[in-house]
Protein backbone atom coordinates (compact mmCIF):
# COMPACT_ATOMS: atom_id res chain seq x y z
CA MET A 1 168.33 49.51 102.58
CA LYS A 2 170.96 48.18 104.99
CA LYS A 3 173.30 51.02 104.03
CA ASP A 4 170.71 53.60 105.08
CA LEU A 5 170.21 51.82 108.42
CA ILE A 6 173.96 51.91 109.08
CA LEU A 7 174.04 55.61 108.25
CA GLU A 8 171.19 56.25 110.68
CA LEU A 9 172.98 54.32 113.43
CA LEU A 10 176.14 56.38 112.88
CA ARG A 11 174.10 59.59 113.01
CA THR A 12 172.38 58.72 116.25
CA SER A 13 175.65 57.71 117.93
CA ALA A 14 176.37 61.45 118.23
CA GLY A 15 179.97 61.25 117.06
CA GLU A 16 180.85 58.32 119.31
CA PHE A 17 182.41 55.14 117.96
CA LEU A 18 180.03 52.31 117.15
CA SER A 19 181.51 48.84 116.93
CA GLY A 20 181.11 46.72 113.82
CA GLU A 21 179.74 43.93 116.03
CA LYS A 22 177.03 46.15 117.45
CA ILE A 23 176.05 47.38 113.98
CA SER A 24 175.93 43.85 112.60
CA LYS A 25 173.71 42.64 115.47
CA LYS A 26 171.31 45.57 115.22
CA ILE A 27 170.85 45.22 111.46
CA GLY A 28 171.24 41.47 111.14
CA ILE A 29 174.15 41.31 108.72
CA SER A 30 177.74 40.11 108.92
CA ARG A 31 180.62 42.38 109.93
CA THR A 32 182.02 41.91 106.42
CA ALA A 33 178.74 43.26 105.01
CA VAL A 34 178.98 46.19 107.43
CA TRP A 35 182.42 47.02 106.06
CA LYS A 36 181.15 46.86 102.48
CA HIS A 37 178.34 49.28 103.28
CA ILE A 38 180.76 51.61 105.10
CA THR A 39 182.96 51.56 101.99
CA ALA A 40 179.95 52.42 99.81
CA LEU A 41 179.06 55.35 102.08
CA ARG A 42 182.62 56.64 101.87
CA GLN A 43 182.45 56.46 98.08
CA GLU A 44 179.34 58.65 98.26
CA GLY A 45 181.32 61.27 100.16
CA TYR A 46 180.60 60.45 103.81
CA SER A 47 183.63 60.87 106.07
CA ILE A 48 183.69 57.85 108.37
CA GLU A 49 186.54 57.10 110.71
CA ALA A 50 187.42 53.45 111.42
CA MET A 51 189.45 52.31 114.42
CA PRO A 52 190.51 48.67 114.83
CA LYS A 53 188.69 46.93 117.72
CA ILE A 54 186.78 50.15 118.43
CA GLY A 55 184.46 50.71 115.49
CA TYR A 56 183.23 53.50 113.27
CA ARG A 57 182.06 57.04 113.69
CA LEU A 58 180.63 59.62 111.33
CA LEU A 59 182.82 62.71 110.99
CA ASP A 60 181.19 64.65 108.17
CA ILE A 61 178.46 64.43 105.57
CA PRO A 62 178.87 65.25 101.86
CA ASP A 63 177.60 68.45 100.28
CA ARG A 64 175.12 66.56 98.13
CA LEU A 65 171.36 66.41 97.74
CA TYR A 66 171.02 62.86 99.02
CA PRO A 67 167.49 61.85 100.09
CA GLU A 68 168.80 60.67 103.47
CA GLU A 69 170.13 64.15 104.22
CA ILE A 70 166.91 65.84 103.13
CA ARG A 71 164.67 63.53 105.17
CA ASP A 72 166.86 63.95 108.24
CA ASN A 73 165.84 67.62 108.51
CA LEU A 74 162.24 67.52 107.32
CA THR A 75 159.36 68.65 109.50
CA THR A 76 156.70 68.54 106.79
CA VAL A 77 153.68 66.26 106.59
CA SER A 78 153.68 65.59 102.84
CA LEU A 79 156.19 67.83 101.04
CA GLY A 80 159.38 65.94 100.31
CA ARG A 81 158.28 62.74 102.02
CA ASN A 82 158.65 60.87 98.73
CA ILE A 83 162.00 61.70 97.11
CA TYR A 84 163.23 60.78 93.64
CA TYR A 85 166.94 61.47 93.40
CA PHE A 86 168.98 61.68 90.20
CA LYS A 87 172.62 62.47 89.58
CA THR A 88 171.80 63.86 86.14
CA VAL A 89 168.51 64.55 84.34
CA GLN A 90 167.50 66.65 81.41
CA SER A 91 165.00 68.51 83.58
CA THR A 92 163.53 67.87 87.02
CA ASN A 93 160.24 69.36 85.81
CA GLN A 94 160.21 66.84 82.97
CA GLU A 95 160.82 63.97 85.38
CA ALA A 96 158.22 65.35 87.77
CA ARG A 97 155.63 65.50 84.99
CA ARG A 98 156.35 61.90 84.03
CA LEU A 99 156.09 60.72 87.62
CA ALA A 100 152.94 62.77 88.25
CA GLN A 101 151.28 61.06 85.30
CA GLU A 102 152.25 57.73 86.84
CA GLY A 103 150.44 58.72 90.03
CA VAL A 104 153.09 59.79 92.57
CA PRO A 105 151.52 61.45 95.61
CA HIS A 106 151.15 65.11 96.50
CA GLY A 107 154.43 66.53 97.73
CA ALA A 108 156.72 64.17 95.82
CA LEU A 109 160.14 65.77 95.40
CA ILE A 110 162.29 65.27 92.31
CA ILE A 111 165.84 66.46 92.82
CA ALA A 112 169.03 66.27 90.77
CA GLU A 113 172.68 67.18 91.11
CA GLU A 114 172.70 68.35 87.48
CA GLN A 115 170.29 69.26 84.68
CA THR A 116 171.43 69.00 81.09
CA GLY A 117 168.37 70.74 79.66
CA GLY A 118 166.99 72.93 82.42
CA LYS A 119 164.51 75.56 81.29
CA GLY A 120 162.98 78.71 82.70
CA ARG A 121 159.96 80.69 81.59
CA PHE A 122 159.31 81.08 77.87
CA GLY A 123 161.68 78.18 77.14
CA ARG A 124 164.79 80.05 78.24
CA VAL A 125 167.82 77.92 79.11
CA TRP A 126 168.48 77.47 82.83
CA PHE A 127 172.15 76.74 83.51
CA SER A 128 172.24 73.87 86.01
CA PRO A 129 175.81 72.53 86.47
CA LYS A 130 176.64 69.54 88.63
CA THR A 131 176.54 70.09 92.43
CA LEU A 132 176.51 73.89 92.14
CA GLY A 133 172.86 74.47 92.90
CA ILE A 134 169.58 73.02 94.10
CA TRP A 135 167.66 71.77 91.08
CA ALA A 136 164.32 70.43 92.22
CA SER A 137 160.65 70.04 91.39
CA LEU A 138 157.61 69.32 93.54
CA VAL A 139 154.51 67.48 92.42
CA LEU A 140 151.50 69.24 93.92
CA ARG A 141 147.90 68.05 93.79
CA PRO A 142 145.92 70.96 95.26
CA GLU A 143 142.14 70.81 95.22
CA ILE A 144 141.73 74.10 93.40
CA SER A 145 140.41 75.32 90.07
CA PRO A 146 142.86 76.37 87.31
CA GLU A 147 142.16 80.09 87.79
CA ASN A 148 143.38 79.81 91.38
CA ALA A 149 146.70 78.20 90.42
CA PRO A 150 148.85 81.31 89.57
CA PRO A 151 149.33 82.42 93.23
CA VAL A 152 151.20 79.16 93.89
CA THR A 153 154.27 80.60 92.14
CA MET A 154 154.22 83.71 94.31
CA LEU A 155 153.74 81.67 97.47
CA ALA A 156 156.74 79.57 96.47
CA ALA A 157 158.83 82.70 95.93
CA VAL A 158 158.02 83.94 99.42
CA ALA A 159 158.68 80.48 100.91
CA VAL A 160 162.11 80.23 99.26
CA ALA A 161 163.05 83.76 100.37
CA VAL A 162 162.06 82.98 103.96
CA ALA A 163 163.91 79.64 103.92
CA VAL A 164 167.11 81.14 102.51
CA GLU A 165 167.11 83.92 105.10
CA ASN A 166 166.43 81.47 107.94
CA ILE A 167 169.27 79.17 106.87
CA THR A 168 171.88 81.65 105.64
CA GLY A 169 170.87 85.03 107.02
CA ILE A 170 170.82 86.40 103.45
CA ALA A 171 167.76 88.42 102.49
CA LEU A 172 166.70 87.94 98.87
CA GLY A 173 164.54 90.33 96.93
CA ILE A 174 161.60 89.04 94.90
CA LYS A 175 161.06 90.07 91.32
CA TRP A 176 157.44 89.04 90.94
CA PRO A 177 156.24 86.52 90.22
CA ASN A 178 159.03 83.98 89.89
CA ASP A 179 162.57 85.36 90.38
CA LEU A 180 164.59 85.91 93.53
CA LEU A 181 167.51 88.33 93.47
CA TYR A 182 170.70 88.82 95.45
CA GLU A 183 172.49 92.11 94.81
CA ASN A 184 170.49 92.46 91.60
CA LYS A 185 171.64 89.05 90.38
CA LYS A 186 169.28 86.14 89.86
CA ALA A 187 169.64 83.72 92.75
CA CYS A 188 166.58 81.58 92.11
CA GLY A 189 164.07 80.95 89.37
CA ILE A 190 160.69 79.29 89.71
CA LEU A 191 158.80 77.57 86.91
CA THR A 192 155.28 76.31 87.58
CA GLU A 193 153.53 74.07 85.07
CA MET A 194 149.95 72.83 85.27
CA ASN A 195 148.03 69.81 84.11
CA GLY A 196 144.33 70.36 84.45
CA GLU A 197 140.83 70.43 83.07
CA MET A 198 138.22 73.15 82.78
CA ASP A 199 137.16 72.92 86.41
CA LYS A 200 140.05 71.28 88.25
CA VAL A 201 143.79 70.98 88.53
CA ASN A 202 145.11 67.46 88.10
CA PHE A 203 148.57 68.41 89.28
CA LEU A 204 151.05 71.27 89.37
CA ILE A 205 154.79 70.95 88.83
CA LEU A 206 156.66 73.52 90.89
CA GLY A 207 160.24 73.76 89.62
CA LEU A 208 162.94 75.49 91.66
CA GLY A 209 166.45 76.39 90.58
CA ILE A 210 168.57 77.92 93.34
CA ASN A 211 172.06 79.13 92.41
CA VAL A 212 173.81 78.10 95.62
CA ASN A 213 177.41 78.25 94.34
CA LEU A 214 177.04 80.22 91.12
CA MET A 215 176.68 83.78 92.37
């Protein structure tokens, strides 16, 4: 999308102004179209300064789960390389299951700003309000047998704990196999669902709910 290309140009300008003429030439669109895309980015929450006869520069990015922001920091080979973003879904696991059955690749990430029917283990309700957490599911297609699938949940718990500590400096405790705790309060829940046969796993849905702003 042209809008994504403009965003990437603003990112790589390292806070310097980029003229509308330069953007239009690089992308092959009119300066009026550049302005329309800048306006759309602002509506999504991007803070972009505009100076007459000078150009545009990116000041700040929104606190949202936009695919562009996720991809910008990825170092993985397959996990999260295909992203399906929703503002609102009933459940990211439900969407992930549907997409997995349609054949999306290993590592596909389904992420939403809000879940209206999020669930935990045993069908418990998982409160997932808009923009207050990370509500996501991964489609995994490991070449393993069903009896070897349960450790995936525990590996995910460890991975989330390590990631949270690396990013925030906060050490979470793990209540095996699928809960992470902060000061004895639930900070993250993991729900893994499997589709398989007697001798193989067709796919796993690894659901993650991280209470970023609910603690």
